[in-house]
Amino acid sequence: MKRLRTISLLMLVASVVILPALAAAQVDNFGKIDTVYADVAKINDNNWTITISCTNDESVVGLSVPLRMTAGMTKVVADSAIYTGGRVETFDYKGMRADTAIQCVTLGMIANLGPTHKILDAGSGRLVTIFVSSLDKKPIEKLDVDTTTTNPNNSLLVIASTVQGGATPDTIPIANREIIEIRPAFVAKQVD
């Protein structure tokens, strides 16, 4: 009887640990898993950049990229973002919201806010460059970046276009909109 309780307890603990991991797993209904990259580079002792790139194999109309930044005991802030020259430069909405209290930044990119038909074609390359600085003018020894979830429920997400395909495109019905939600992989690396 005691062994049965132990097994039940282990199953409960395993389900509590494994289920959240499965819920956050990468999902892509259009081929290979898309990947969002964050390349972190030092400008000088107090200023760094985070270059966000994306590799996607389908047409995309929206992206959400929330990031958590840590620099040890040094407080940092994402003070600006430059979309010029990036793959989403022509998108209707390109936003950045920095939250210094929790050392996060949320990027949002939406292709169409009106009757336009812009998309991010399948491909790979830079989306945006974020500039990060020290709040207290203390040197930033090392800047670590990871994806997170920011308020109210912004997580790493890519939204595929409802029209997919090459020569004979196929339209995804709005009732199946969960199909167009892509949970990409995330890779952060330091650039020398």
N, C-alpha and C. Protein backbone atom coordinates (compact mmCIF):
# COMPACT_ATOMS: atom_id res chain seq x y z
N MET A 1 0.82 -1.19 0.00
CA MET A 1 0.00 0.00 0.00
C MET A 1 0.87 1.26 0.00
N LYS A 2 1.94 1.20 0.81
CA LYS A 2 2.84 2.35 0.88
C LYS A 2 3.54 2.57 -0.46
N ARG A 3 3.86 1.45 -1.12
CA ARG A 3 4.52 1.55 -2.42
C ARG A 3 3.57 2.19 -3.45
N LEU A 4 2.30 1.86 -3.39
CA LEU A 4 1.32 2.44 -4.30
C LEU A 4 1.20 3.95 -4.09
N ARG A 5 1.24 4.40 -2.84
CA ARG A 5 1.22 5.84 -2.55
C ARG A 5 2.45 6.52 -3.09
N THR A 6 3.60 5.89 -2.94
CA THR A 6 4.85 6.46 -3.44
C THR A 6 4.80 6.61 -4.95
N ILE A 7 4.31 5.58 -5.62
CA ILE A 7 4.20 5.64 -7.08
C ILE A 7 3.21 6.73 -7.49
N SER A 8 2.09 6.81 -6.80
CA SER A 8 1.10 7.86 -7.09
C SER A 8 1.69 9.24 -6.89
N LEU A 9 2.44 9.41 -5.81
CA LEU A 9 3.08 10.70 -5.53
C LEU A 9 4.09 11.04 -6.62
N LEU A 10 4.88 10.06 -7.05
CA LEU A 10 5.86 10.30 -8.11
C LEU A 10 5.16 10.66 -9.43
N MET A 11 4.05 10.00 -9.73
CA MET A 11 3.30 10.32 -10.94
C MET A 11 2.75 11.75 -10.88
N LEU A 12 2.27 12.15 -9.71
CA LEU A 12 1.75 13.50 -9.53
C LEU A 12 2.85 14.53 -9.73
N VAL A 13 3.99 14.30 -9.10
CA VAL A 13 5.12 15.23 -9.24
C VAL A 13 5.59 15.29 -10.69
N ALA A 14 5.67 14.14 -11.35
CA ALA A 14 6.09 14.11 -12.75
C ALA A 14 5.13 14.88 -13.63
N SER A 15 3.83 14.74 -13.40
CA SER A 15 2.87 15.47 -14.23
C SER A 15 2.92 16.96 -13.98
N VAL A 16 3.19 17.37 -12.75
CA VAL A 16 3.30 18.80 -12.44
C VAL A 16 4.53 19.39 -13.11
N VAL A 17 5.60 18.62 -13.21
CA VAL A 17 6.83 19.10 -13.82
C VAL A 17 6.77 19.03 -15.34
N ILE A 18 6.22 17.97 -15.89
CA ILE A 18 6.24 17.75 -17.33
C ILE A 18 5.18 18.54 -18.08
N LEU A 19 3.98 18.66 -17.55
CA LEU A 19 2.90 19.34 -18.27
C LEU A 19 3.23 20.78 -18.64
N PRO A 20 3.78 21.60 -17.73
CA PRO A 20 4.13 22.96 -18.17
C PRO A 20 5.18 22.98 -19.27
N ALA A 21 6.10 22.03 -19.23
CA ALA A 21 7.12 21.97 -20.28
C ALA A 21 6.48 21.63 -21.62
N LEU A 22 5.50 20.74 -21.63
CA LEU A 22 4.82 20.40 -22.87
C LEU A 22 3.99 21.55 -23.39
N ALA A 23 3.39 22.31 -22.49
CA ALA A 23 2.57 23.45 -22.90
C ALA A 23 3.41 24.54 -23.56
N ALA A 24 4.67 24.67 -23.16
CA ALA A 24 5.54 25.70 -23.71
C ALA A 24 6.41 25.16 -24.85
N ALA A 25 6.17 23.94 -25.28
CA ALA A 25 6.98 23.33 -26.32
C ALA A 25 6.81 24.07 -27.65
N GLN A 26 7.82 23.92 -28.48
CA GLN A 26 7.75 24.56 -29.80
C GLN A 26 6.68 23.89 -30.65
N VAL A 27 5.93 24.70 -31.37
CA VAL A 27 4.87 24.21 -32.25
C VAL A 27 4.95 24.97 -33.56
N ASP A 28 4.91 24.23 -34.68
CA ASP A 28 4.88 24.84 -36.00
C ASP A 28 4.15 23.89 -36.93
N ASN A 29 2.96 24.27 -37.37
CA ASN A 29 2.13 23.42 -38.23
C ASN A 29 2.47 23.57 -39.71
N PHE A 30 3.54 24.29 -40.05
CA PHE A 30 3.84 24.57 -41.44
C PHE A 30 5.19 24.04 -41.90
N GLY A 31 5.80 23.16 -41.17
CA GLY A 31 7.11 22.63 -41.58
C GLY A 31 8.07 22.61 -40.42
N LYS A 32 9.30 23.05 -40.68
CA LYS A 32 10.32 23.05 -39.63
C LYS A 32 9.98 24.09 -38.57
N ILE A 33 10.45 23.85 -37.34
CA ILE A 33 10.25 24.80 -36.24
C ILE A 33 10.98 26.09 -36.57
N ASP A 34 10.28 27.22 -36.48
CA ASP A 34 10.90 28.53 -36.68
C ASP A 34 11.80 28.82 -35.48
N THR A 35 12.76 29.70 -35.67
CA THR A 35 13.69 30.05 -34.60
C THR A 35 13.86 31.56 -34.53
N VAL A 36 13.81 32.09 -33.30
CA VAL A 36 14.10 33.50 -33.03
C VAL A 36 15.47 33.53 -32.35
N TYR A 37 16.37 34.37 -32.87
CA TYR A 37 17.72 34.49 -32.36
C TYR A 37 17.91 35.85 -31.69
N ALA A 38 18.66 35.85 -30.59
CA ALA A 38 19.05 37.10 -29.92
C ALA A 38 20.57 37.11 -29.83
N ASP A 39 21.19 37.97 -30.62
CA ASP A 39 22.65 38.11 -30.61
C ASP A 39 23.01 39.32 -29.76
N VAL A 40 23.73 39.06 -28.66
CA VAL A 40 24.08 40.10 -27.69
C VAL A 40 25.52 40.55 -27.95
N ALA A 41 25.72 41.87 -28.08
CA ALA A 41 27.06 42.41 -28.37
C ALA A 41 27.32 43.66 -27.53
N LYS A 42 28.56 43.83 -27.14
CA LYS A 42 28.98 44.98 -26.33
C LYS A 42 29.39 46.12 -27.25
N ILE A 43 28.87 47.33 -26.96
CA ILE A 43 29.30 48.54 -27.66
C ILE A 43 30.44 49.17 -26.87
N ASN A 44 30.17 49.44 -25.58
CA ASN A 44 31.19 49.94 -24.66
C ASN A 44 30.80 49.46 -23.26
N ASP A 45 31.47 49.95 -22.21
CA ASP A 45 31.23 49.46 -20.85
C ASP A 45 29.78 49.62 -20.39
N ASN A 46 29.09 50.64 -20.85
CA ASN A 46 27.73 50.91 -20.37
C ASN A 46 26.63 50.63 -21.39
N ASN A 47 26.98 50.23 -22.60
CA ASN A 47 25.97 50.06 -23.66
C ASN A 47 26.19 48.76 -24.43
N TRP A 48 25.09 48.05 -24.65
CA TRP A 48 25.11 46.79 -25.38
C TRP A 48 23.98 46.80 -26.42
N THR A 49 24.03 45.86 -27.36
CA THR A 49 22.93 45.68 -28.31
C THR A 49 22.43 44.25 -28.25
N ILE A 50 21.15 44.10 -28.58
CA ILE A 50 20.55 42.79 -28.77
C ILE A 50 19.94 42.81 -30.16
N THR A 51 20.48 42.02 -31.07
CA THR A 51 19.96 41.95 -32.42
C THR A 51 19.04 40.74 -32.52
N ILE A 52 17.77 40.99 -32.83
CA ILE A 52 16.77 39.94 -32.93
C ILE A 52 16.62 39.56 -34.41
N SER A 53 16.81 38.27 -34.69
CA SER A 53 16.65 37.73 -36.04
C SER A 53 15.65 36.59 -35.99
N CYS A 54 15.15 36.22 -37.15
CA CYS A 54 14.17 35.13 -37.20
C CYS A 54 14.39 34.32 -38.47
N THR A 55 14.24 33.01 -38.33
CA THR A 55 14.22 32.11 -39.47
C THR A 55 12.84 31.48 -39.52
N ASN A 56 12.12 31.68 -40.61
CA ASN A 56 10.78 31.14 -40.76
C ASN A 56 10.62 30.53 -42.15
N ASP A 57 9.80 29.46 -42.24
CA ASP A 57 9.59 28.79 -43.52
C ASP A 57 8.15 28.94 -44.02
N GLU A 58 7.46 29.96 -43.52
CA GLU A 58 6.11 30.28 -43.96
C GLU A 58 5.91 31.78 -43.91
N SER A 59 4.83 32.26 -44.53
CA SER A 59 4.51 33.69 -44.48
C SER A 59 4.04 34.04 -43.08
N VAL A 60 4.53 35.18 -42.55
CA VAL A 60 4.24 35.60 -41.18
C VAL A 60 3.63 36.99 -41.20
N VAL A 61 2.63 37.22 -40.31
CA VAL A 61 2.00 38.54 -40.22
C VAL A 61 2.14 39.18 -38.84
N GLY A 62 2.70 38.48 -37.87
CA GLY A 62 2.88 39.06 -36.55
C GLY A 62 3.88 38.31 -35.71
N LEU A 63 4.55 39.05 -34.81
CA LEU A 63 5.52 38.45 -33.90
C LEU A 63 5.42 39.12 -32.54
N SER A 64 5.62 38.33 -31.50
CA SER A 64 5.73 38.83 -30.13
C SER A 64 7.03 38.27 -29.57
N VAL A 65 7.91 39.17 -29.11
CA VAL A 65 9.21 38.74 -28.59
C VAL A 65 9.45 39.42 -27.24
N PRO A 66 9.06 38.76 -26.14
CA PRO A 66 9.36 39.30 -24.81
C PRO A 66 10.71 38.76 -24.32
N LEU A 67 11.54 39.65 -23.79
CA LEU A 67 12.88 39.26 -23.34
C LEU A 67 13.13 39.69 -21.91
N ARG A 68 13.86 38.86 -21.18
CA ARG A 68 14.34 39.20 -19.85
C ARG A 68 15.84 39.42 -19.96
N MET A 69 16.30 40.54 -19.40
CA MET A 69 17.72 40.90 -19.47
C MET A 69 18.31 40.88 -18.06
N THR A 70 19.46 40.26 -17.90
CA THR A 70 20.13 40.26 -16.61
C THR A 70 21.60 40.61 -16.80
N ALA A 71 22.09 41.43 -15.89
CA ALA A 71 23.50 41.86 -15.93
C ALA A 71 24.07 41.82 -14.53
N GLY A 72 23.81 40.75 -13.80
CA GLY A 72 24.30 40.65 -12.43
C GLY A 72 23.61 41.68 -11.55
N MET A 73 24.38 42.42 -10.77
CA MET A 73 23.84 43.45 -9.88
C MET A 73 23.60 44.78 -10.58
N THR A 74 24.01 44.89 -11.83
CA THR A 74 23.84 46.13 -12.60
C THR A 74 22.44 46.15 -13.21
N LYS A 75 21.69 47.21 -12.93
CA LYS A 75 20.36 47.38 -13.51
C LYS A 75 20.51 47.92 -14.93
N VAL A 76 19.74 47.35 -15.86
CA VAL A 76 19.81 47.76 -17.26
C VAL A 76 18.42 48.13 -17.77
N VAL A 77 18.40 48.85 -18.88
CA VAL A 77 17.15 49.23 -19.52
C VAL A 77 17.33 49.14 -21.03
N ALA A 78 16.30 48.64 -21.70
CA ALA A 78 16.26 48.67 -23.16
C ALA A 78 15.72 50.04 -23.52
N ASP A 79 16.60 50.93 -24.01
CA ASP A 79 16.16 52.32 -24.19
C ASP A 79 15.71 52.67 -25.60
N SER A 80 15.98 51.83 -26.59
CA SER A 80 15.48 52.11 -27.93
C SER A 80 15.59 50.86 -28.80
N ALA A 81 14.86 50.88 -29.90
CA ALA A 81 14.90 49.78 -30.87
C ALA A 81 14.89 50.37 -32.27
N ILE A 82 15.68 49.78 -33.16
CA ILE A 82 15.77 50.25 -34.53
C ILE A 82 15.31 49.13 -35.46
N TYR A 83 14.22 49.38 -36.16
CA TYR A 83 13.68 48.42 -37.12
C TYR A 83 14.15 48.70 -38.54
N THR A 84 14.72 49.88 -38.77
CA THR A 84 15.17 50.28 -40.10
C THR A 84 16.17 49.26 -40.65
N GLY A 85 15.94 48.82 -41.86
CA GLY A 85 16.83 47.87 -42.50
C GLY A 85 16.53 46.42 -42.15
N GLY A 86 15.57 46.19 -41.27
CA GLY A 86 15.21 44.84 -40.88
C GLY A 86 14.11 44.27 -41.76
N ARG A 87 13.84 43.00 -41.59
CA ARG A 87 12.84 42.31 -42.41
C ARG A 87 11.41 42.79 -42.15
N VAL A 88 11.16 43.43 -41.00
CA VAL A 88 9.81 43.91 -40.68
C VAL A 88 9.69 45.43 -40.81
N GLU A 89 10.63 46.04 -41.49
CA GLU A 89 10.66 47.50 -41.62
C GLU A 89 9.36 48.07 -42.17
N THR A 90 8.68 47.36 -43.06
CA THR A 90 7.45 47.88 -43.67
C THR A 90 6.19 47.51 -42.90
N PHE A 91 6.31 46.77 -41.81
CA PHE A 91 5.12 46.40 -41.02
C PHE A 91 4.43 47.67 -40.53
N ASP A 92 3.11 47.61 -40.37
CA ASP A 92 2.33 48.76 -39.91
C ASP A 92 2.62 49.11 -38.46
N TYR A 93 2.84 48.11 -37.61
CA TYR A 93 3.13 48.38 -36.19
C TYR A 93 4.41 47.68 -35.79
N LYS A 94 5.32 48.47 -35.23
CA LYS A 94 6.58 47.96 -34.71
C LYS A 94 6.77 48.62 -33.35
N GLY A 95 6.52 47.86 -32.30
CA GLY A 95 6.55 48.46 -30.97
C GLY A 95 7.56 47.85 -30.04
N MET A 96 7.91 48.62 -29.02
CA MET A 96 8.82 48.18 -27.97
C MET A 96 8.33 48.75 -26.66
N ARG A 97 8.23 47.91 -25.64
CA ARG A 97 7.85 48.36 -24.30
C ARG A 97 8.88 47.84 -23.32
N ALA A 98 9.63 48.74 -22.72
CA ALA A 98 10.63 48.37 -21.72
C ALA A 98 10.03 48.47 -20.32
N ASP A 99 10.36 47.53 -19.47
CA ASP A 99 9.92 47.53 -18.08
C ASP A 99 11.17 47.40 -17.21
N THR A 100 11.64 48.54 -16.69
CA THR A 100 12.89 48.52 -15.91
C THR A 100 12.72 47.82 -14.57
N ALA A 101 11.51 47.80 -14.02
CA ALA A 101 11.29 47.16 -12.72
C ALA A 101 11.58 45.67 -12.77
N ILE A 102 11.23 45.02 -13.87
CA ILE A 102 11.46 43.58 -13.97
C ILE A 102 12.53 43.24 -15.01
N GLN A 103 13.26 44.24 -15.50
CA GLN A 103 14.37 44.06 -16.43
C GLN A 103 13.94 43.29 -17.69
N CYS A 104 12.80 43.72 -18.27
CA CYS A 104 12.25 43.07 -19.46
C CYS A 104 11.97 44.08 -20.55
N VAL A 105 11.86 43.57 -21.76
CA VAL A 105 11.42 44.36 -22.90
C VAL A 105 10.51 43.47 -23.73
N THR A 106 9.42 44.05 -24.22
CA THR A 106 8.49 43.32 -25.07
C THR A 106 8.45 43.99 -26.44
N LEU A 107 8.71 43.22 -27.46
CA LEU A 107 8.64 43.70 -28.84
C LEU A 107 7.39 43.13 -29.48
N GLY A 108 6.68 43.97 -30.22
CA GLY A 108 5.51 43.53 -30.96
C GLY A 108 5.60 44.03 -32.39
N MET A 109 5.30 43.16 -33.34
CA MET A 109 5.37 43.51 -34.75
C MET A 109 4.13 42.98 -35.45
N ILE A 110 3.35 43.88 -36.08
CA ILE A 110 2.12 43.50 -36.76
C ILE A 110 2.19 44.01 -38.19
N ALA A 111 1.98 43.12 -39.14
CA ALA A 111 2.13 43.48 -40.55
C ALA A 111 1.03 44.42 -41.03
N ASN A 112 -0.22 44.17 -40.66
CA ASN A 112 -1.34 44.92 -41.23
C ASN A 112 -2.29 45.41 -40.15
N LEU A 113 -2.53 46.73 -40.14
CA LEU A 113 -3.53 47.31 -39.25
C LEU A 113 -4.71 47.86 -40.02
N GLY A 114 -4.66 47.73 -41.29
CA GLY A 114 -5.73 48.22 -42.15
C GLY A 114 -5.84 47.35 -43.38
N PRO A 115 -6.24 47.92 -44.49
CA PRO A 115 -6.49 47.12 -45.69
C PRO A 115 -5.22 46.78 -46.48
N THR A 116 -4.08 46.79 -45.86
CA THR A 116 -2.84 46.43 -46.56
C THR A 116 -2.68 44.91 -46.56
N HIS A 117 -1.74 44.43 -47.34
CA HIS A 117 -1.51 42.98 -47.44
C HIS A 117 -0.02 42.70 -47.32
N LYS A 118 0.59 43.20 -46.27
CA LYS A 118 2.01 42.99 -46.05
C LYS A 118 2.22 41.66 -45.35
N ILE A 119 3.34 41.01 -45.65
CA ILE A 119 3.72 39.78 -44.96
C ILE A 119 5.23 39.74 -44.82
N LEU A 120 5.68 38.92 -43.90
CA LEU A 120 7.10 38.60 -43.78
C LEU A 120 7.28 37.29 -44.51
N ASP A 121 7.90 37.34 -45.68
CA ASP A 121 8.09 36.13 -46.48
C ASP A 121 8.98 35.14 -45.75
N ALA A 122 8.88 33.89 -46.16
CA ALA A 122 9.76 32.86 -45.62
C ALA A 122 11.21 33.29 -45.86
N GLY A 123 12.04 33.09 -44.87
CA GLY A 123 13.44 33.48 -45.00
C GLY A 123 14.11 33.59 -43.65
N SER A 124 15.22 34.29 -43.64
CA SER A 124 16.02 34.43 -42.43
C SER A 124 16.70 35.79 -42.44
N GLY A 125 16.82 36.38 -41.25
CA GLY A 125 17.53 37.64 -41.16
C GLY A 125 17.08 38.50 -39.99
N ARG A 126 17.72 39.66 -39.88
CA ARG A 126 17.50 40.59 -38.78
C ARG A 126 16.12 41.21 -38.84
N LEU A 127 15.48 41.30 -37.66
CA LEU A 127 14.20 41.99 -37.53
C LEU A 127 14.41 43.37 -36.93
N VAL A 128 15.15 43.44 -35.82
CA VAL A 128 15.28 44.67 -35.04
C VAL A 128 16.56 44.60 -34.20
N THR A 129 17.10 45.77 -33.89
CA THR A 129 18.22 45.86 -32.96
C THR A 129 17.79 46.70 -31.76
N ILE A 130 17.99 46.15 -30.57
CA ILE A 130 17.62 46.82 -29.32
C ILE A 130 18.90 47.36 -28.69
N PHE A 131 18.83 48.59 -28.17
CA PHE A 131 19.97 49.18 -27.48
C PHE A 131 19.70 49.15 -25.99
N VAL A 132 20.64 48.61 -25.24
CA VAL A 132 20.52 48.43 -23.79
C VAL A 132 21.61 49.22 -23.11
N SER A 133 21.24 49.94 -22.03
CA SER A 133 22.23 50.71 -21.29
C SER A 133 22.09 50.48 -19.80
N SER A 134 23.14 50.85 -19.08
CA SER A 134 23.16 50.74 -17.62
C SER A 134 22.34 51.88 -17.03
N LEU A 135 21.49 51.55 -16.05
CA LEU A 135 20.67 52.59 -15.42
C LEU A 135 21.48 53.50 -14.51
N ASP A 136 22.44 52.94 -13.80
CA ASP A 136 23.22 53.69 -12.81
C ASP A 136 24.61 54.08 -13.32
N LYS A 137 24.80 53.98 -14.62
CA LYS A 137 26.11 54.29 -15.23
C LYS A 137 27.21 53.37 -14.73
N LYS A 138 26.83 52.21 -14.20
CA LYS A 138 27.81 51.19 -13.80
C LYS A 138 28.13 50.35 -15.04
N PRO A 139 29.35 49.86 -15.14
CA PRO A 139 29.68 49.04 -16.30
C PRO A 139 28.87 47.74 -16.32
N ILE A 140 28.50 47.32 -17.51
CA ILE A 140 27.80 46.04 -17.70
C ILE A 140 28.88 45.02 -18.07
N GLU A 141 29.16 44.12 -17.14
CA GLU A 141 30.20 43.11 -17.37
C GLU A 141 29.75 42.07 -18.38
N LYS A 142 28.52 41.59 -18.21
CA LYS A 142 27.96 40.58 -19.11
C LYS A 142 26.45 40.76 -19.14
N LEU A 143 25.87 40.70 -20.32
CA LEU A 143 24.42 40.83 -20.48
C LEU A 143 23.87 39.49 -20.95
N ASP A 144 22.99 38.91 -20.15
CA ASP A 144 22.33 37.67 -20.52
C ASP A 144 20.90 37.97 -20.93
N VAL A 145 20.42 37.28 -21.94
CA VAL A 145 19.08 37.49 -22.47
C VAL A 145 18.39 36.14 -22.61
N ASP A 146 17.11 36.12 -22.24
CA ASP A 146 16.31 34.91 -22.40
C ASP A 146 14.88 35.33 -22.68
N THR A 147 14.10 34.43 -23.25
CA THR A 147 12.70 34.74 -23.48
C THR A 147 11.93 34.56 -22.17
N THR A 148 10.80 35.22 -22.06
CA THR A 148 10.00 35.20 -20.85
C THR A 148 8.54 35.42 -21.23
N THR A 149 7.69 35.59 -20.26
CA THR A 149 6.31 36.00 -20.49
C THR A 149 6.10 37.30 -19.74
N THR A 150 5.62 38.33 -20.43
CA THR A 150 5.37 39.61 -19.80
C THR A 150 3.87 39.86 -19.71
N ASN A 151 3.50 40.76 -18.84
CA ASN A 151 2.10 41.08 -18.58
C ASN A 151 1.45 41.70 -19.82
N PRO A 152 0.25 41.36 -20.20
CA PRO A 152 -0.69 40.47 -19.53
C PRO A 152 -0.45 39.00 -19.86
N ASN A 153 -0.04 38.65 -21.08
CA ASN A 153 0.24 37.27 -21.42
C ASN A 153 1.05 37.21 -22.71
N ASN A 154 2.08 38.05 -22.78
CA ASN A 154 2.91 38.11 -23.98
C ASN A 154 4.02 37.07 -23.89
N SER A 155 3.97 36.10 -24.77
CA SER A 155 5.01 35.08 -24.82
C SER A 155 5.61 35.06 -26.22
N LEU A 156 6.70 34.33 -26.37
CA LEU A 156 7.35 34.23 -27.67
C LEU A 156 6.38 33.57 -28.65
N LEU A 157 6.02 34.30 -29.70
CA LEU A 157 4.97 33.84 -30.60
C LEU A 157 5.17 34.42 -31.99
N VAL A 158 4.92 33.59 -32.98
CA VAL A 158 4.92 34.01 -34.38
C VAL A 158 3.54 33.67 -34.93
N ILE A 159 2.93 34.60 -35.64
CA ILE A 159 1.61 34.37 -36.23
C ILE A 159 1.77 34.24 -37.74
N ALA A 160 1.41 33.07 -38.25
CA ALA A 160 1.50 32.82 -39.69
C ALA A 160 0.34 33.50 -40.40
N SER A 161 0.54 33.79 -41.67
CA SER A 161 -0.52 34.35 -42.50
C SER A 161 -1.59 33.27 -42.71
N THR A 162 -2.84 33.68 -42.85
CA THR A 162 -3.90 32.70 -43.11
C THR A 162 -3.85 32.22 -44.55
N VAL A 163 -3.04 32.86 -45.38
CA VAL A 163 -2.85 32.40 -46.75
C VAL A 163 -1.43 31.84 -46.84
N GLN A 164 -1.32 30.54 -47.08
CA GLN A 164 -0.03 29.86 -47.15
C GLN A 164 0.09 29.10 -48.45
N GLY A 165 1.28 29.01 -48.96
CA GLY A 165 1.52 28.21 -50.15
C GLY A 165 2.25 28.98 -51.21
N GLY A 166 2.63 28.26 -52.24
CA GLY A 166 3.40 28.85 -53.33
C GLY A 166 2.51 29.24 -54.49
N ALA A 167 2.60 28.48 -55.59
CA ALA A 167 1.87 28.81 -56.81
C ALA A 167 0.35 28.71 -56.62
N THR A 168 -0.10 27.76 -55.80
CA THR A 168 -1.53 27.62 -55.52
C THR A 168 -1.75 27.77 -54.02
N PRO A 169 -1.84 29.00 -53.53
CA PRO A 169 -1.96 29.20 -52.09
C PRO A 169 -3.25 28.63 -51.52
N ASP A 170 -3.18 28.26 -50.25
CA ASP A 170 -4.32 27.71 -49.53
C ASP A 170 -4.67 28.65 -48.38
N THR A 171 -5.95 28.86 -48.15
CA THR A 171 -6.39 29.74 -47.08
C THR A 171 -6.83 28.93 -45.87
N ILE A 172 -6.37 29.34 -44.70
CA ILE A 172 -6.73 28.67 -43.46
C ILE A 172 -7.98 29.35 -42.91
N PRO A 173 -9.05 28.60 -42.66
CA PRO A 173 -10.28 29.22 -42.13
C PRO A 173 -10.04 29.85 -40.76
N ILE A 174 -10.73 30.96 -40.49
CA ILE A 174 -10.56 31.68 -39.23
C ILE A 174 -10.93 30.80 -38.03
N ALA A 175 -11.84 29.85 -38.24
CA ALA A 175 -12.22 28.94 -37.14
C ALA A 175 -11.04 28.08 -36.69
N ASN A 176 -10.05 27.90 -37.55
CA ASN A 176 -8.86 27.11 -37.21
C ASN A 176 -7.67 28.00 -36.89
N ARG A 177 -7.91 29.17 -36.32
CA ARG A 177 -6.83 30.14 -36.13
C ARG A 177 -5.71 29.66 -35.21
N GLU A 178 -5.97 28.67 -34.33
CA GLU A 178 -4.90 28.17 -33.48
C GLU A 178 -3.79 27.52 -34.31
N ILE A 179 -4.11 27.09 -35.52
CA ILE A 179 -3.12 26.49 -36.41
C ILE A 179 -2.05 27.51 -36.79
N ILE A 180 -2.42 28.79 -36.88
CA ILE A 180 -1.46 29.80 -37.33
C ILE A 180 -0.56 30.30 -36.20
N GLU A 181 -0.79 29.86 -34.95
CA GLU A 181 0.07 30.25 -33.84
C GLU A 181 1.29 29.35 -33.80
N ILE A 182 2.45 29.95 -33.99
CA ILE A 182 3.71 29.22 -34.00
C ILE A 182 4.49 29.56 -32.74
N ARG A 183 4.91 28.54 -32.02
CA ARG A 183 5.78 28.70 -30.84
C ARG A 183 7.20 28.37 -31.28
N PRO A 184 7.99 29.39 -31.61
CA PRO A 184 9.32 29.13 -32.16
C PRO A 184 10.34 28.74 -31.09
N ALA A 185 11.45 28.21 -31.56
CA ALA A 185 12.61 27.97 -30.69
C ALA A 185 13.28 29.31 -30.44
N PHE A 186 14.05 29.41 -29.36
CA PHE A 186 14.74 30.65 -29.02
C PHE A 186 16.21 30.33 -28.76
N VAL A 187 17.10 31.09 -29.39
CA VAL A 187 18.53 30.91 -29.21
C VAL A 187 19.16 32.27 -28.90
N ALA A 188 19.87 32.37 -27.78
CA ALA A 188 20.60 33.59 -27.44
C ALA A 188 22.08 33.27 -27.42
N LYS A 189 22.87 34.22 -27.95
CA LYS A 189 24.32 33.99 -27.93
C LYS A 189 25.07 35.32 -27.83
N GLN A 190 26.24 35.26 -27.27
CA GLN A 190 27.12 36.42 -27.17
C GLN A 190 27.93 36.54 -28.45
N VAL A 191 28.02 37.75 -28.98
CA VAL A 191 28.79 38.02 -30.20
C VAL A 191 30.05 38.78 -29.80
N ASP A 192 31.17 38.35 -30.29
CA ASP A 192 32.43 39.04 -29.97
C ASP A 192 32.72 40.15 -30.93
